[in-house]
Amino acid sequence: MQSYALVTGGSRGIGRAICVKLAGMGYPVIINYKGNKTAAEETAALVTAQGQEAVLMPFDVADKKEVESVLGKWQEEHKDCVIEVLVNNAGIRQDALLAFMSDEQWHSVMDTSLQGMFNITKQVM
């Protein structure tokens, strides 16, 4: 059975560094990203430079149905593979003092940073 690593928010920053490190440790890496395909492709090139497969997987971690659809499809098509390493890195911030933060800003942060972690972890389990 082939083991993979999945990194949410893996297209840039800390997520990119984690993807490259995991590739260096011998894992093929599933790179999740929400919208920046160019950055995700750059990360994929760094992973393949480490001699590992890079799988680009665009979806919004906060959207449970999208997680189930996209990640679930990959799992269904790769029954001989397992996601052995999961790094819930996706997160956003809305820089505002609580007194000035709108309900929309609050829910956006919570949906991505907390609900997203739940959605991904539950699907991988």
N, C-alpha and C. Protein backbone atom coordinates (compact mmCIF):
# COMPACT_ATOMS: atom_id res chain seq x y z
N MET A 1 0.85 -1.18 0.00
CA MET A 1 0.00 0.00 0.00
C MET A 1 0.89 1.24 0.00
N GLN A 2 0.62 2.16 -0.91
CA GLN A 2 1.41 3.39 -1.04
C GLN A 2 0.93 4.42 -0.02
N SER A 3 1.85 4.99 0.74
CA SER A 3 1.53 6.02 1.74
C SER A 3 1.75 7.40 1.14
N TYR A 4 0.81 8.29 1.39
CA TYR A 4 0.88 9.68 0.94
C TYR A 4 0.82 10.61 2.14
N ALA A 5 1.27 11.84 1.91
CA ALA A 5 1.09 12.92 2.87
C ALA A 5 0.15 13.94 2.22
N LEU A 6 -0.78 14.46 3.00
CA LEU A 6 -1.70 15.51 2.55
C LEU A 6 -1.45 16.76 3.38
N VAL A 7 -1.19 17.86 2.70
CA VAL A 7 -0.97 19.13 3.38
C VAL A 7 -2.03 20.11 2.89
N THR A 8 -2.91 20.54 3.80
CA THR A 8 -3.89 21.56 3.42
C THR A 8 -3.19 22.91 3.45
N GLY A 9 -3.62 23.78 2.55
CA GLY A 9 -2.95 25.08 2.46
C GLY A 9 -1.48 24.91 2.10
N GLY A 10 -1.22 23.97 1.20
CA GLY A 10 0.16 23.60 0.89
C GLY A 10 0.81 24.37 -0.24
N SER A 11 0.14 25.37 -0.78
CA SER A 11 0.68 26.03 -1.97
C SER A 11 1.78 27.04 -1.69
N ARG A 12 1.84 27.58 -0.49
CA ARG A 12 2.86 28.61 -0.22
C ARG A 12 3.15 28.70 1.27
N GLY A 13 4.13 29.50 1.61
CA GLY A 13 4.47 29.75 3.00
C GLY A 13 4.87 28.49 3.77
N ILE A 14 4.36 28.38 4.98
CA ILE A 14 4.67 27.23 5.83
C ILE A 14 4.20 25.94 5.17
N GLY A 15 3.04 25.97 4.54
CA GLY A 15 2.53 24.78 3.86
C GLY A 15 3.48 24.27 2.79
N ARG A 16 4.04 25.19 2.02
CA ARG A 16 5.01 24.81 0.98
C ARG A 16 6.24 24.16 1.62
N ALA A 17 6.76 24.76 2.67
CA ALA A 17 7.94 24.21 3.34
C ALA A 17 7.65 22.81 3.88
N ILE A 18 6.45 22.60 4.41
CA ILE A 18 6.07 21.28 4.92
C ILE A 18 6.01 20.27 3.78
N CYS A 19 5.43 20.66 2.65
CA CYS A 19 5.36 19.76 1.49
C CYS A 19 6.74 19.32 1.05
N VAL A 20 7.66 20.26 0.95
CA VAL A 20 9.02 19.96 0.50
C VAL A 20 9.71 19.05 1.52
N LYS A 21 9.54 19.32 2.80
CA LYS A 21 10.15 18.49 3.84
C LYS A 21 9.62 17.07 3.78
N LEU A 22 8.30 16.92 3.64
CA LEU A 22 7.71 15.58 3.57
C LEU A 22 8.19 14.83 2.33
N ALA A 23 8.33 15.53 1.22
CA ALA A 23 8.87 14.90 0.01
C ALA A 23 10.30 14.42 0.26
N GLY A 24 11.08 15.23 0.96
CA GLY A 24 12.44 14.85 1.30
C GLY A 24 12.50 13.65 2.23
N MET A 25 11.41 13.42 2.96
CA MET A 25 11.32 12.27 3.85
C MET A 25 10.79 11.03 3.12
N GLY A 26 10.50 11.19 1.82
CA GLY A 26 10.09 10.04 1.01
C GLY A 26 8.61 9.91 0.74
N TYR A 27 7.83 10.91 1.08
CA TYR A 27 6.39 10.84 0.85
C TYR A 27 5.99 11.50 -0.46
N PRO A 28 5.15 10.84 -1.26
CA PRO A 28 4.44 11.57 -2.30
C PRO A 28 3.49 12.54 -1.58
N VAL A 29 3.29 13.72 -2.12
CA VAL A 29 2.55 14.75 -1.39
C VAL A 29 1.32 15.21 -2.17
N ILE A 30 0.19 15.22 -1.46
CA ILE A 30 -1.04 15.81 -1.98
C ILE A 30 -1.05 17.25 -1.50
N ILE A 31 -1.03 18.17 -2.43
CA ILE A 31 -0.97 19.59 -2.13
C ILE A 31 -2.35 20.19 -2.29
N ASN A 32 -2.98 20.51 -1.18
CA ASN A 32 -4.29 21.16 -1.23
C ASN A 32 -4.09 22.67 -1.31
N TYR A 33 -4.93 23.30 -2.10
CA TYR A 33 -4.95 24.76 -2.19
C TYR A 33 -6.36 25.18 -2.55
N LYS A 34 -6.67 26.43 -2.23
CA LYS A 34 -8.02 26.92 -2.51
C LYS A 34 -8.10 27.64 -3.85
N GLY A 35 -7.13 28.49 -4.17
CA GLY A 35 -7.29 29.27 -5.38
C GLY A 35 -6.04 29.64 -6.14
N ASN A 36 -4.88 29.58 -5.51
CA ASN A 36 -3.66 30.04 -6.16
C ASN A 36 -2.96 28.87 -6.86
N LYS A 37 -3.44 28.54 -8.06
CA LYS A 37 -2.91 27.40 -8.80
C LYS A 37 -1.44 27.58 -9.15
N THR A 38 -1.05 28.80 -9.49
CA THR A 38 0.35 29.05 -9.85
C THR A 38 1.28 28.72 -8.69
N ALA A 39 0.93 29.17 -7.49
CA ALA A 39 1.74 28.86 -6.31
C ALA A 39 1.75 27.37 -6.03
N ALA A 40 0.60 26.71 -6.21
CA ALA A 40 0.53 25.26 -6.00
C ALA A 40 1.42 24.52 -6.99
N GLU A 41 1.45 24.97 -8.23
CA GLU A 41 2.31 24.35 -9.24
C GLU A 41 3.79 24.55 -8.90
N GLU A 42 4.13 25.71 -8.34
CA GLU A 42 5.51 25.95 -7.92
C GLU A 42 5.88 24.99 -6.78
N THR A 43 4.97 24.78 -5.85
CA THR A 43 5.21 23.83 -4.77
C THR A 43 5.37 22.42 -5.33
N ALA A 44 4.51 22.07 -6.28
CA ALA A 44 4.59 20.74 -6.90
C ALA A 44 5.96 20.53 -7.56
N ALA A 45 6.49 21.56 -8.20
CA ALA A 45 7.81 21.44 -8.83
C ALA A 45 8.89 21.18 -7.78
N LEU A 46 8.77 21.80 -6.63
CA LEU A 46 9.74 21.58 -5.55
C LEU A 46 9.63 20.16 -4.99
N VAL A 47 8.41 19.65 -4.92
CA VAL A 47 8.19 18.28 -4.44
C VAL A 47 8.79 17.28 -5.44
N THR A 48 8.51 17.47 -6.72
CA THR A 48 9.04 16.54 -7.72
C THR A 48 10.56 16.63 -7.82
N ALA A 49 11.12 17.80 -7.51
CA ALA A 49 12.58 17.94 -7.49
C ALA A 49 13.20 17.08 -6.39
N GLN A 50 12.38 16.74 -5.39
CA GLN A 50 12.83 15.85 -4.32
C GLN A 50 12.65 14.38 -4.71
N GLY A 51 12.15 14.15 -5.93
CA GLY A 51 11.97 12.79 -6.41
C GLY A 51 10.65 12.15 -6.03
N GLN A 52 9.69 12.97 -5.63
CA GLN A 52 8.40 12.43 -5.20
C GLN A 52 7.26 12.95 -6.08
N GLU A 53 6.20 12.18 -6.11
CA GLU A 53 5.00 12.58 -6.83
C GLU A 53 4.32 13.74 -6.10
N ALA A 54 3.81 14.68 -6.86
CA ALA A 54 3.03 15.79 -6.32
C ALA A 54 1.64 15.73 -6.94
N VAL A 55 0.62 15.72 -6.10
CA VAL A 55 -0.77 15.70 -6.55
C VAL A 55 -1.40 17.03 -6.15
N LEU A 56 -1.86 17.80 -7.13
CA LEU A 56 -2.54 19.06 -6.83
C LEU A 56 -4.01 18.77 -6.59
N MET A 57 -4.53 19.28 -5.47
CA MET A 57 -5.91 19.00 -5.11
C MET A 57 -6.60 20.29 -4.63
N PRO A 58 -7.24 21.00 -5.57
CA PRO A 58 -7.90 22.25 -5.20
C PRO A 58 -9.28 22.03 -4.59
N PHE A 59 -9.47 22.53 -3.39
CA PHE A 59 -10.80 22.58 -2.76
C PHE A 59 -10.71 23.47 -1.53
N ASP A 60 -11.87 23.94 -1.10
CA ASP A 60 -11.99 24.77 0.09
C ASP A 60 -12.22 23.86 1.28
N VAL A 61 -11.29 23.82 2.22
CA VAL A 61 -11.42 22.93 3.38
C VAL A 61 -12.67 23.22 4.20
N ALA A 62 -13.17 24.44 4.14
CA ALA A 62 -14.35 24.82 4.92
C ALA A 62 -15.64 24.27 4.32
N ASP A 63 -15.59 23.81 3.09
CA ASP A 63 -16.78 23.31 2.39
C ASP A 63 -16.80 21.78 2.47
N LYS A 64 -17.58 21.26 3.41
CA LYS A 64 -17.61 19.82 3.66
C LYS A 64 -17.96 19.01 2.42
N LYS A 65 -18.94 19.46 1.67
CA LYS A 65 -19.34 18.73 0.46
C LYS A 65 -18.22 18.71 -0.58
N GLU A 66 -17.51 19.80 -0.69
CA GLU A 66 -16.39 19.86 -1.63
C GLU A 66 -15.26 18.93 -1.18
N VAL A 67 -14.98 18.91 0.11
CA VAL A 67 -13.97 18.00 0.66
C VAL A 67 -14.35 16.56 0.36
N GLU A 68 -15.60 16.21 0.66
CA GLU A 68 -16.06 14.84 0.42
C GLU A 68 -15.99 14.49 -1.06
N SER A 69 -16.35 15.43 -1.91
CA SER A 69 -16.36 15.18 -3.35
C SER A 69 -14.95 15.01 -3.91
N VAL A 70 -14.10 15.99 -3.68
CA VAL A 70 -12.77 15.99 -4.30
C VAL A 70 -11.84 14.97 -3.64
N LEU A 71 -11.70 15.05 -2.33
CA LEU A 71 -10.82 14.11 -1.64
C LEU A 71 -11.40 12.70 -1.67
N GLY A 72 -12.72 12.61 -1.51
CA GLY A 72 -13.37 11.30 -1.58
C GLY A 72 -13.18 10.63 -2.92
N LYS A 73 -13.23 11.40 -4.00
CA LYS A 73 -13.00 10.84 -5.34
C LYS A 73 -11.58 10.30 -5.46
N TRP A 74 -10.61 11.06 -4.96
CA TRP A 74 -9.22 10.59 -5.01
C TRP A 74 -9.08 9.29 -4.22
N GLN A 75 -9.68 9.24 -3.03
CA GLN A 75 -9.60 8.03 -2.21
C GLN A 75 -10.24 6.84 -2.93
N GLU A 76 -11.35 7.08 -3.58
CA GLU A 76 -12.05 6.01 -4.30
C GLU A 76 -11.20 5.51 -5.47
N GLU A 77 -10.53 6.41 -6.16
CA GLU A 77 -9.71 6.05 -7.31
C GLU A 77 -8.35 5.47 -6.92
N HIS A 78 -7.98 5.61 -5.66
CA HIS A 78 -6.66 5.15 -5.18
C HIS A 78 -6.83 4.25 -3.96
N LYS A 79 -7.59 3.20 -4.13
CA LYS A 79 -7.87 2.29 -3.01
C LYS A 79 -6.61 1.61 -2.48
N ASP A 80 -5.57 1.55 -3.30
CA ASP A 80 -4.32 0.93 -2.87
C ASP A 80 -3.38 1.94 -2.19
N CYS A 81 -3.90 3.14 -1.91
CA CYS A 81 -3.11 4.20 -1.28
C CYS A 81 -3.75 4.60 0.04
N VAL A 82 -2.93 5.12 0.93
CA VAL A 82 -3.42 5.59 2.22
C VAL A 82 -2.76 6.94 2.52
N ILE A 83 -3.54 7.83 3.10
CA ILE A 83 -2.98 9.09 3.57
C ILE A 83 -2.46 8.81 4.98
N GLU A 84 -1.15 8.66 5.06
CA GLU A 84 -0.50 8.30 6.32
C GLU A 84 -0.18 9.54 7.15
N VAL A 85 0.11 10.64 6.47
CA VAL A 85 0.45 11.89 7.15
C VAL A 85 -0.54 12.96 6.71
N LEU A 86 -1.18 13.59 7.69
CA LEU A 86 -2.11 14.69 7.43
C LEU A 86 -1.63 15.91 8.19
N VAL A 87 -1.40 17.00 7.47
CA VAL A 87 -1.02 18.26 8.09
C VAL A 87 -2.13 19.26 7.79
N ASN A 88 -2.90 19.59 8.83
CA ASN A 88 -3.97 20.57 8.71
C ASN A 88 -3.37 21.97 8.85
N ASN A 89 -2.85 22.47 7.76
CA ASN A 89 -2.15 23.75 7.74
C ASN A 89 -3.03 24.90 7.28
N ALA A 90 -4.09 24.62 6.54
CA ALA A 90 -4.94 25.70 5.99
C ALA A 90 -5.51 26.54 7.12
N GLY A 91 -5.44 27.82 6.94
CA GLY A 91 -6.00 28.73 7.92
C GLY A 91 -5.97 30.14 7.35
N ILE A 92 -6.84 30.95 7.86
CA ILE A 92 -6.87 32.35 7.44
C ILE A 92 -6.95 33.22 8.68
N ARG A 93 -6.68 34.48 8.48
CA ARG A 93 -6.86 35.43 9.57
C ARG A 93 -7.53 36.67 9.00
N GLN A 94 -8.28 37.28 9.82
CA GLN A 94 -8.90 38.56 9.48
C GLN A 94 -8.40 39.54 10.53
N ASP A 95 -7.46 40.37 10.15
CA ASP A 95 -6.86 41.29 11.12
C ASP A 95 -7.84 42.39 11.50
N ALA A 96 -8.41 42.23 12.67
CA ALA A 96 -9.31 43.25 13.20
C ALA A 96 -9.44 43.03 14.70
N LEU A 97 -9.55 44.10 15.43
CA LEU A 97 -9.86 43.97 16.85
C LEU A 97 -11.25 43.38 16.97
N LEU A 98 -11.45 42.57 17.98
CA LEU A 98 -12.73 41.91 18.16
C LEU A 98 -13.90 42.90 18.11
N ALA A 99 -13.71 44.05 18.71
CA ALA A 99 -14.78 45.05 18.73
C ALA A 99 -15.16 45.52 17.32
N PHE A 100 -14.24 45.40 16.38
CA PHE A 100 -14.49 45.86 15.01
C PHE A 100 -14.67 44.72 14.02
N MET A 101 -14.60 43.49 14.49
CA MET A 101 -14.72 42.33 13.61
C MET A 101 -16.19 42.04 13.32
N SER A 102 -16.49 41.86 12.05
CA SER A 102 -17.87 41.53 11.68
C SER A 102 -18.14 40.05 11.92
N ASP A 103 -19.41 39.70 11.98
CA ASP A 103 -19.77 38.29 12.10
C ASP A 103 -19.23 37.49 10.92
N GLU A 104 -19.27 38.07 9.73
CA GLU A 104 -18.75 37.39 8.54
C GLU A 104 -17.26 37.09 8.66
N GLN A 105 -16.49 38.06 9.16
CA GLN A 105 -15.06 37.84 9.34
C GLN A 105 -14.82 36.71 10.34
N TRP A 106 -15.52 36.74 11.45
CA TRP A 106 -15.37 35.71 12.49
C TRP A 106 -15.69 34.33 11.93
N HIS A 107 -16.81 34.21 11.25
CA HIS A 107 -17.22 32.91 10.72
C HIS A 107 -16.27 32.43 9.63
N SER A 108 -15.74 33.33 8.85
CA SER A 108 -14.78 32.95 7.82
C SER A 108 -13.53 32.31 8.44
N VAL A 109 -13.02 32.93 9.50
CA VAL A 109 -11.85 32.39 10.20
C VAL A 109 -12.17 31.03 10.81
N MET A 110 -13.28 30.94 11.52
CA MET A 110 -13.66 29.69 12.19
C MET A 110 -13.96 28.58 11.18
N ASP A 111 -14.63 28.92 10.09
CA ASP A 111 -14.97 27.90 9.09
C ASP A 111 -13.72 27.30 8.45
N THR A 112 -12.74 28.11 8.15
CA THR A 112 -11.52 27.59 7.53
C THR A 112 -10.61 26.94 8.56
N SER A 113 -10.33 27.64 9.63
CA SER A 113 -9.32 27.16 10.58
C SER A 113 -9.79 26.01 11.45
N LEU A 114 -11.05 25.99 11.85
CA LEU A 114 -11.54 24.92 12.73
C LEU A 114 -12.42 23.91 11.99
N GLN A 115 -13.45 24.39 11.34
CA GLN A 115 -14.34 23.47 10.62
C GLN A 115 -13.58 22.75 9.51
N GLY A 116 -12.66 23.45 8.86
CA GLY A 116 -11.86 22.84 7.81
C GLY A 116 -11.03 21.68 8.34
N MET A 117 -10.41 21.87 9.50
CA MET A 117 -9.63 20.80 10.11
C MET A 117 -10.51 19.59 10.39
N PHE A 118 -11.71 19.83 10.89
CA PHE A 118 -12.65 18.74 11.17
C PHE A 118 -13.05 18.03 9.88
N ASN A 119 -13.40 18.80 8.85
CA ASN A 119 -13.83 18.21 7.57
C ASN A 119 -12.76 17.29 6.98
N ILE A 120 -11.53 17.76 6.97
CA ILE A 120 -10.43 16.99 6.37
C ILE A 120 -10.12 15.75 7.21
N THR A 121 -9.97 15.95 8.50
CA THR A 121 -9.61 14.83 9.38
C THR A 121 -10.66 13.73 9.32
N LYS A 122 -11.91 14.12 9.36
CA LYS A 122 -12.99 13.13 9.30
C LYS A 122 -12.95 12.36 7.98
N GLN A 123 -12.70 13.04 6.87
CA GLN A 123 -12.65 12.37 5.56
C GLN A 123 -11.46 11.42 5.47
N VAL A 124 -10.34 11.81 6.04
CA VAL A 124 -9.14 10.97 5.97
C VAL A 124 -9.28 9.74 6.86
N MET A 125 -9.95 9.89 7.97
CA MET A 125 -10.12 8.76 8.88
C MET A 125 -10.98 7.70 8.25
